[in-house]
């Protein structure tokens, strides 16, 4: 990505803390944010089949917003 684009993204970053058990995003909904895991972990669970993946420090979700 070009430097001006990265700068614009960084200017819009906001830190948010979630408590255990919080819903960060919902399956099937419109993706409105990108989440970076800075500390702790998230679990992504498919509501239809219950299959999940874990996201840990350094991982992100919502990357489709960058396309």
PDB file of N, CA and C in Angstrom:
ATOM      1  N   UNK A   1       0.841  -1.182   0.000  1.00  0.00           N
ATOM      2  CA  UNK A   1       0.000   0.000   0.000  1.00  0.00           C
ATOM      3  C   UNK A   1       0.882   1.239   0.000  1.00  0.00           C
ATOM      4  N   UNK A   2       0.363   2.275  -0.611  1.00  0.00           N
ATOM      5  CA  UNK A   2       1.085   3.541  -0.632  1.00  0.00           C
ATOM      6  C   UNK A   2       1.105   4.162   0.762  1.00  0.00           C
ATOM      7  N   UNK A   3       2.154   4.925   1.030  1.00  0.00           N
ATOM      8  CA  UNK A   3       2.314   5.584   2.330  1.00  0.00           C
ATOM      9  C   UNK A   3       1.122   6.477   2.701  1.00  0.00           C
ATOM     10  N   UNK A   4       0.571   7.282   1.791  1.00  0.00           N
ATOM     11  CA  UNK A   4      -0.594   8.110   2.164  1.00  0.00           C
ATOM     12  C   UNK A   4      -1.810   7.283   2.581  1.00  0.00           C
ATOM     13  N   UNK A   5      -1.990   6.133   1.952  1.00  0.00           N
ATOM     14  CA  UNK A   5      -3.114   5.264   2.321  1.00  0.00           C
ATOM     15  C   UNK A   5      -2.899   4.696   3.712  1.00  0.00           C
ATOM     16  N   UNK A   6      -1.679   4.233   3.993  1.00  0.00           N
ATOM     17  CA  UNK A   6      -1.374   3.705   5.327  1.00  0.00           C
ATOM     18  C   UNK A   6      -1.533   4.790   6.392  1.00  0.00           C
ATOM     19  N   UNK A   7      -1.087   5.995   6.090  1.00  0.00           N
ATOM     20  CA  UNK A   7      -1.248   7.104   7.037  1.00  0.00           C
ATOM     21  C   UNK A   7      -2.721   7.372   7.325  1.00  0.00           C
ATOM     22  N   UNK A   8      -3.553   7.354   6.288  1.00  0.00           N
ATOM     23  CA  UNK A   8      -4.990   7.592   6.466  1.00  0.00           C
ATOM     24  C   UNK A   8      -5.630   6.505   7.322  1.00  0.00           C
ATOM     25  N   UNK A   9      -5.219   5.264   7.110  1.00  0.00           N
ATOM     26  CA  UNK A   9      -5.743   4.155   7.919  1.00  0.00           C
ATOM     27  C   UNK A   9      -5.334   4.335   9.373  1.00  0.00           C
ATOM     28  N   UNK A  10      -4.062   4.635   9.608  1.00  0.00           N
ATOM     29  CA  UNK A  10      -3.559   4.784  10.976  1.00  0.00           C
ATOM     30  C   UNK A  10      -4.248   5.922  11.722  1.00  0.00           C
ATOM     31  N   UNK A  11      -4.591   6.987  11.023  1.00  0.00           N
ATOM     32  CA  UNK A  11      -5.280   8.110  11.659  1.00  0.00           C
ATOM     33  C   UNK A  11      -6.667   7.717  12.159  1.00  0.00           C
ATOM     34  N   UNK A  12      -7.253   6.705  11.583  1.00  0.00           N
ATOM     35  CA  UNK A  12      -8.614   6.311  11.945  1.00  0.00           C
ATOM     36  C   UNK A  12      -8.669   5.161  12.956  1.00  0.00           C
ATOM     37  N   UNK A  13      -7.524   4.616  13.321  1.00  0.00           N
ATOM     38  CA  UNK A  13      -7.504   3.516  14.283  1.00  0.00           C
ATOM     39  C   UNK A  13      -7.966   4.003  15.651  1.00  0.00           C
ATOM     40  N   UNK A  14      -8.786   3.205  16.302  1.00  0.00           N
ATOM     41  CA  UNK A  14      -9.271   3.503  17.646  1.00  0.00           C
ATOM     42  C   UNK A  14      -9.130   2.248  18.490  1.00  0.00           C
ATOM     43  N   UNK A  15      -8.605   2.423  19.689  1.00  0.00           N
ATOM     44  CA  UNK A  15      -8.460   1.287  20.591  1.00  0.00           C
ATOM     45  C   UNK A  15      -9.786   1.010  21.280  1.00  0.00           C
ATOM     46  N   UNK A  16     -10.125  -0.259  21.369  1.00  0.00           N
ATOM     47  CA  UNK A  16     -11.344  -0.660  22.064  1.00  0.00           C
ATOM     48  C   UNK A  16     -11.041  -1.938  22.828  1.00  0.00           C
ATOM     49  N   UNK A  17     -11.498  -2.005  24.046  1.00  0.00           N
ATOM     50  CA  UNK A  17     -11.300  -3.179  24.886  1.00  0.00           C
ATOM     51  C   UNK A  17     -12.627  -3.916  25.013  1.00  0.00           C
ATOM     52  N   UNK A  18     -12.580  -5.224  24.819  1.00  0.00           N
ATOM     53  CA  UNK A  18     -13.773  -6.064  24.944  1.00  0.00           C
ATOM     54  C   UNK A  18     -13.608  -6.976  26.153  1.00  0.00           C
ATOM     55  N   UNK A  19     -14.691  -7.191  26.881  1.00  0.00           N
ATOM     56  CA  UNK A  19     -14.642  -8.124  27.998  1.00  0.00           C
ATOM     57  C   UNK A  19     -14.915  -9.534  27.480  1.00  0.00           C
ATOM     58  N   UNK A  20     -14.506 -10.507  28.246  1.00  0.00           N
ATOM     59  CA  UNK A  20     -14.686 -11.906  27.869  1.00  0.00           C
ATOM     60  C   UNK A  20     -16.156 -12.192  27.581  1.00  0.00           C
ATOM     61  N   UNK A  21     -16.407 -12.880  26.474  1.00  0.00           N
ATOM     62  CA  UNK A  21     -17.764 -13.243  26.088  1.00  0.00           C
ATOM     63  C   UNK A  21     -18.464 -12.217  25.216  1.00  0.00           C
ATOM     64  N   UNK A  22     -17.820 -11.087  24.960  1.00  0.00           N
ATOM     65  CA  UNK A  22     -18.427 -10.044  24.119  1.00  0.00           C
ATOM     66  C   UNK A  22     -18.496 -10.484  22.668  1.00  0.00           C
ATOM     67  N   UNK A  23     -19.538 -10.048  21.978  1.00  0.00           N
ATOM     68  CA  UNK A  23     -19.657 -10.295  20.542  1.00  0.00           C
ATOM     69  C   UNK A  23     -19.009  -9.113  19.836  1.00  0.00           C
ATOM     70  N   UNK A  24     -17.977  -9.398  19.055  1.00  0.00           N
ATOM     71  CA  UNK A  24     -17.240  -8.349  18.354  1.00  0.00           C
ATOM     72  C   UNK A  24     -17.848  -8.107  16.980  1.00  0.00           C
ATOM     73  N   UNK A  25     -18.190  -9.180  16.277  1.00  0.00           N
ATOM     74  CA  UNK A  25     -18.838  -9.114  14.969  1.00  0.00           C
ATOM     75  C   UNK A  25     -19.854 -10.240  14.887  1.00  0.00           C
ATOM     76  N   UNK A  26     -20.823 -10.099  13.994  1.00  0.00           N
ATOM     77  CA  UNK A  26     -21.817 -11.149  13.796  1.00  0.00           C
ATOM     78  C   UNK A  26     -21.712 -11.720  12.391  1.00  0.00           C
ATOM     79  N   UNK A  27     -21.844 -13.027  12.302  1.00  0.00           N
ATOM     80  CA  UNK A  27     -21.797 -13.704  11.008  1.00  0.00           C
ATOM     81  C   UNK A  27     -22.960 -13.253  10.141  1.00  0.00           C
ATOM     82  N   UNK A  28     -22.659 -13.009   8.871  1.00  0.00           N
ATOM     83  CA  UNK A  28     -23.691 -12.628   7.922  1.00  0.00           C
ATOM     84  C   UNK A  28     -23.997 -11.143   7.903  1.00  0.00           C
ATOM     85  N   UNK A  29     -23.480 -10.426   8.880  1.00  0.00           N
ATOM     86  CA  UNK A  29     -23.699  -8.982   8.909  1.00  0.00           C
ATOM     87  C   UNK A  29     -22.732  -8.262   7.982  1.00  0.00           C
ATOM     88  N   UNK A  30     -22.994  -7.003   7.767  1.00  0.00           N
ATOM     89  CA  UNK A  30     -22.109  -6.175   6.958  1.00  0.00           C
ATOM     90  C   UNK A  30     -20.840  -5.903   7.758  1.00  0.00           C
ATOM     91  N   UNK A  31     -19.693  -6.126   7.141  1.00  0.00           N
ATOM     92  CA  UNK A  31     -18.420  -5.870   7.814  1.00  0.00           C
ATOM     93  C   UNK A  31     -18.198  -4.364   7.816  1.00  0.00           C
ATOM     94  N   UNK A  32     -18.170  -3.788   9.009  1.00  0.00           N
ATOM     95  CA  UNK A  32     -18.026  -2.341   9.144  1.00  0.00           C
ATOM     96  C   UNK A  32     -16.729  -1.937   9.805  1.00  0.00           C
ATOM     97  N   UNK A  33     -15.979  -2.912  10.304  1.00  0.00           N
ATOM     98  CA  UNK A  33     -14.739  -2.576  10.990  1.00  0.00           C
ATOM     99  C   UNK A  33     -13.729  -3.695  10.819  1.00  0.00           C
ATOM    100  N   UNK A  34     -12.487  -3.318  10.989  1.00  0.00           N
ATOM    101  CA  UNK A  34     -11.401  -4.282  10.997  1.00  0.00           C
ATOM    102  C   UNK A  34     -10.898  -4.338  12.430  1.00  0.00           C
ATOM    103  N   UNK A  35     -10.643  -5.525  12.928  1.00  0.00           N
ATOM    104  CA  UNK A  35     -10.220  -5.704  14.309  1.00  0.00           C
ATOM    105  C   UNK A  35      -8.820  -6.294  14.326  1.00  0.00           C
ATOM    106  N   UNK A  36      -7.924  -5.634  15.072  1.00  0.00           N
ATOM    107  CA  UNK A  36      -6.569  -6.133  15.287  1.00  0.00           C
ATOM    108  C   UNK A  36      -6.489  -6.620  16.724  1.00  0.00           C
ATOM    109  N   UNK A  37      -6.025  -7.837  16.918  1.00  0.00           N
ATOM    110  CA  UNK A  37      -5.878  -8.374  18.271  1.00  0.00           C
ATOM    111  C   UNK A  37      -4.510  -7.928  18.789  1.00  0.00           C
ATOM    112  N   UNK A  38      -4.519  -7.026  19.757  1.00  0.00           N
ATOM    113  CA  UNK A  38      -3.283  -6.500  20.323  1.00  0.00           C
ATOM    114  C   UNK A  38      -2.887  -7.299  21.555  1.00  0.00           C
ATOM    115  N   UNK A  39      -3.875  -7.682  22.335  1.00  0.00           N
ATOM    116  CA  UNK A  39      -3.619  -8.459  23.543  1.00  0.00           C
ATOM    117  C   UNK A  39      -4.789  -9.401  23.755  1.00  0.00           C
ATOM    118  N   UNK A  40      -4.501 -10.595  24.205  1.00  0.00           N
ATOM    119  CA  UNK A  40      -5.549 -11.578  24.439  1.00  0.00           C
ATOM    120  C   UNK A  40      -5.841 -12.396  23.196  1.00  0.00           C
ATOM    121  N   UNK A  41      -7.073 -12.888  23.092  1.00  0.00           N
ATOM    122  CA  UNK A  41      -7.439 -13.708  21.938  1.00  0.00           C
ATOM    123  C   UNK A  41      -8.932 -13.573  21.662  1.00  0.00           C
ATOM    124  N   UNK A  42      -9.296 -13.891  20.432  1.00  0.00           N
ATOM    125  CA  UNK A  42     -10.693 -13.932  20.002  1.00  0.00           C
ATOM    126  C   UNK A  42     -10.969 -15.311  19.450  1.00  0.00           C
ATOM    127  N   UNK A  43     -12.192 -15.735  19.540  1.00  0.00           N
ATOM    128  CA  UNK A  43     -12.588 -16.982  18.901  1.00  0.00           C
ATOM    129  C   UNK A  43     -13.666 -16.662  17.884  1.00  0.00           C
ATOM    130  N   UNK A  44     -13.431 -17.094  16.663  1.00  0.00           N
ATOM    131  CA  UNK A  44     -14.388 -16.904  15.575  1.00  0.00           C
ATOM    132  C   UNK A  44     -15.136 -18.211  15.382  1.00  0.00           C
ATOM    133  N   UNK A  45     -16.453 -18.173  15.566  1.00  0.00           N
ATOM    134  CA  UNK A  45     -17.256 -19.391  15.481  1.00  0.00           C
ATOM    135  C   UNK A  45     -18.300 -19.235  14.386  1.00  0.00           C
ATOM    136  N   UNK A  46     -18.364 -20.215  13.502  1.00  0.00           N
ATOM    137  CA  UNK A  46     -19.387 -20.258  12.464  1.00  0.00           C
ATOM    138  C   UNK A  46     -20.680 -20.713  13.125  1.00  0.00           C
ATOM    139  N   UNK A  47     -21.705 -19.880  13.073  1.00  0.00           N
ATOM    140  CA  UNK A  47     -22.971 -20.187  13.732  1.00  0.00           C
ATOM    141  C   UNK A  47     -23.699 -21.389  13.168  1.00  0.00           C
ATOM    142  N   UNK A  48     -23.441 -21.727  11.899  1.00  0.00           N
ATOM    143  CA  UNK A  48     -24.154 -22.838  11.276  1.00  0.00           C
ATOM    144  C   UNK A  48     -23.610 -24.193  11.697  1.00  0.00           C
ATOM    145  N   UNK A  49     -22.287 -24.316  11.738  1.00  0.00           N
ATOM    146  CA  UNK A  49     -21.716 -25.624  12.054  1.00  0.00           C
ATOM    147  C   UNK A  49     -20.896 -25.628  13.335  1.00  0.00           C
ATOM    148  N   UNK A  50     -20.762 -24.481  13.987  1.00  0.00           N
ATOM    149  CA  UNK A  50     -20.056 -24.414  15.257  1.00  0.00           C
ATOM    150  C   UNK A  50     -18.548 -24.524  15.156  1.00  0.00           C
ATOM    151  N   UNK A  51     -18.020 -24.582  13.938  1.00  0.00           N
ATOM    152  CA  UNK A  51     -16.574 -24.669  13.766  1.00  0.00           C
ATOM    153  C   UNK A  51     -15.967 -23.305  14.051  1.00  0.00           C
ATOM    154  N   UNK A  52     -14.890 -23.291  14.821  1.00  0.00           N
ATOM    155  CA  UNK A  52     -14.281 -22.022  15.187  1.00  0.00           C
ATOM    156  C   UNK A  52     -12.790 -21.992  14.939  1.00  0.00           C
ATOM    157  N   UNK A  53     -12.272 -20.789  14.870  1.00  0.00           N
ATOM    158  CA  UNK A  53     -10.831 -20.587  14.803  1.00  0.00           C
ATOM    159  C   UNK A  53     -10.468 -19.557  15.863  1.00  0.00           C
ATOM    160  N   UNK A  54      -9.256 -19.651  16.360  1.00  0.00           N
ATOM    161  CA  UNK A  54      -8.791 -18.703  17.361  1.00  0.00           C
ATOM    162  C   UNK A  54      -7.924 -17.642  16.713  1.00  0.00           C
ATOM    163  N   UNK A  55      -8.110 -16.418  17.136  1.00  0.00           N
ATOM    164  CA  UNK A  55      -7.272 -15.305  16.719  1.00  0.00           C
ATOM    165  C   UNK A  55      -6.500 -14.843  17.943  1.00  0.00           C
ATOM    166  N   UNK A  56      -5.189 -14.681  17.788  1.00  0.00           N
ATOM    167  CA  UNK A  56      -4.342 -14.300  18.909  1.00  0.00           C
ATOM    168  C   UNK A  56      -3.625 -12.989  18.600  1.00  0.00           C
ATOM    169  N   UNK A  57      -2.794 -12.549  19.526  1.00  0.00           N
ATOM    170  CA  UNK A  57      -2.050 -11.305  19.361  1.00  0.00           C
ATOM    171  C   UNK A  57      -1.365 -11.260  18.003  1.00  0.00           C
ATOM    172  N   UNK A  58      -1.569 -10.168  17.281  1.00  0.00           N
ATOM    173  CA  UNK A  58      -0.988  -9.997  15.955  1.00  0.00           C
ATOM    174  C   UNK A  58      -1.921 -10.383  14.818  1.00  0.00           C
ATOM    175  N   UNK A  59      -3.019 -11.080  15.127  1.00  0.00           N
ATOM    176  CA  UNK A  59      -3.991 -11.468  14.101  1.00  0.00           C
ATOM    177  C   UNK A  59      -4.999 -10.338  13.874  1.00  0.00           C
ATOM    178  N   UNK A  60      -5.716 -10.443  12.772  1.00  0.00           N
ATOM    179  CA  UNK A  60      -6.737  -9.446  12.438  1.00  0.00           C
ATOM    180  C   UNK A  60      -7.902 -10.122  11.740  1.00  0.00           C
ATOM    181  N   UNK A  61      -9.051  -9.477  11.756  1.00  0.00           N
ATOM    182  CA  UNK A  61     -10.197  -9.922  10.970  1.00  0.00           C
ATOM    183  C   UNK A  61     -10.878  -8.688  10.388  1.00  0.00           C
ATOM    184  N   UNK A  62     -11.599  -8.889   9.302  1.00  0.00           N
ATOM    185  CA  UNK A  62     -12.244  -7.784   8.606  1.00  0.00           C
ATOM    186  C   UNK A  62     -11.400  -7.222   7.478  1.00  0.00           C
ATOM    187  N   UNK A  63     -10.400  -8.001   7.048  1.00  0.00           N
ATOM    188  CA  UNK A  63      -9.479  -7.542   6.007  1.00  0.00           C
ATOM    189  C   UNK A  63     -10.176  -7.220   4.693  1.00  0.00           C
ATOM    190  N   UNK A  64     -11.385  -7.762   4.488  1.00  0.00           N
ATOM    191  CA  UNK A  64     -12.088  -7.506   3.230  1.00  0.00           C
ATOM    192  C   UNK A  64     -12.381  -6.022   3.026  1.00  0.00           C
ATOM    193  N   UNK A  65     -12.309  -5.238   4.085  1.00  0.00           N
ATOM    194  CA  UNK A  65     -12.515  -3.795   3.950  1.00  0.00           C
ATOM    195  C   UNK A  65     -11.378  -3.122   3.185  1.00  0.00           C
ATOM    196  N   UNK A  66     -10.243  -3.791   3.079  1.00  0.00           N
ATOM    197  CA  UNK A  66      -9.088  -3.208   2.394  1.00  0.00           C
ATOM    198  C   UNK A  66      -9.124  -3.415   0.890  1.00  0.00           C
ATOM    199  N   UNK A  67     -10.090  -4.185   0.395  1.00  0.00           N
ATOM    200  CA  UNK A  67     -10.133  -4.444  -1.043  1.00  0.00           C
ATOM    201  C   UNK A  67     -11.049  -3.472  -1.749  1.00  0.00           C
TER     202      UNK A  67
END
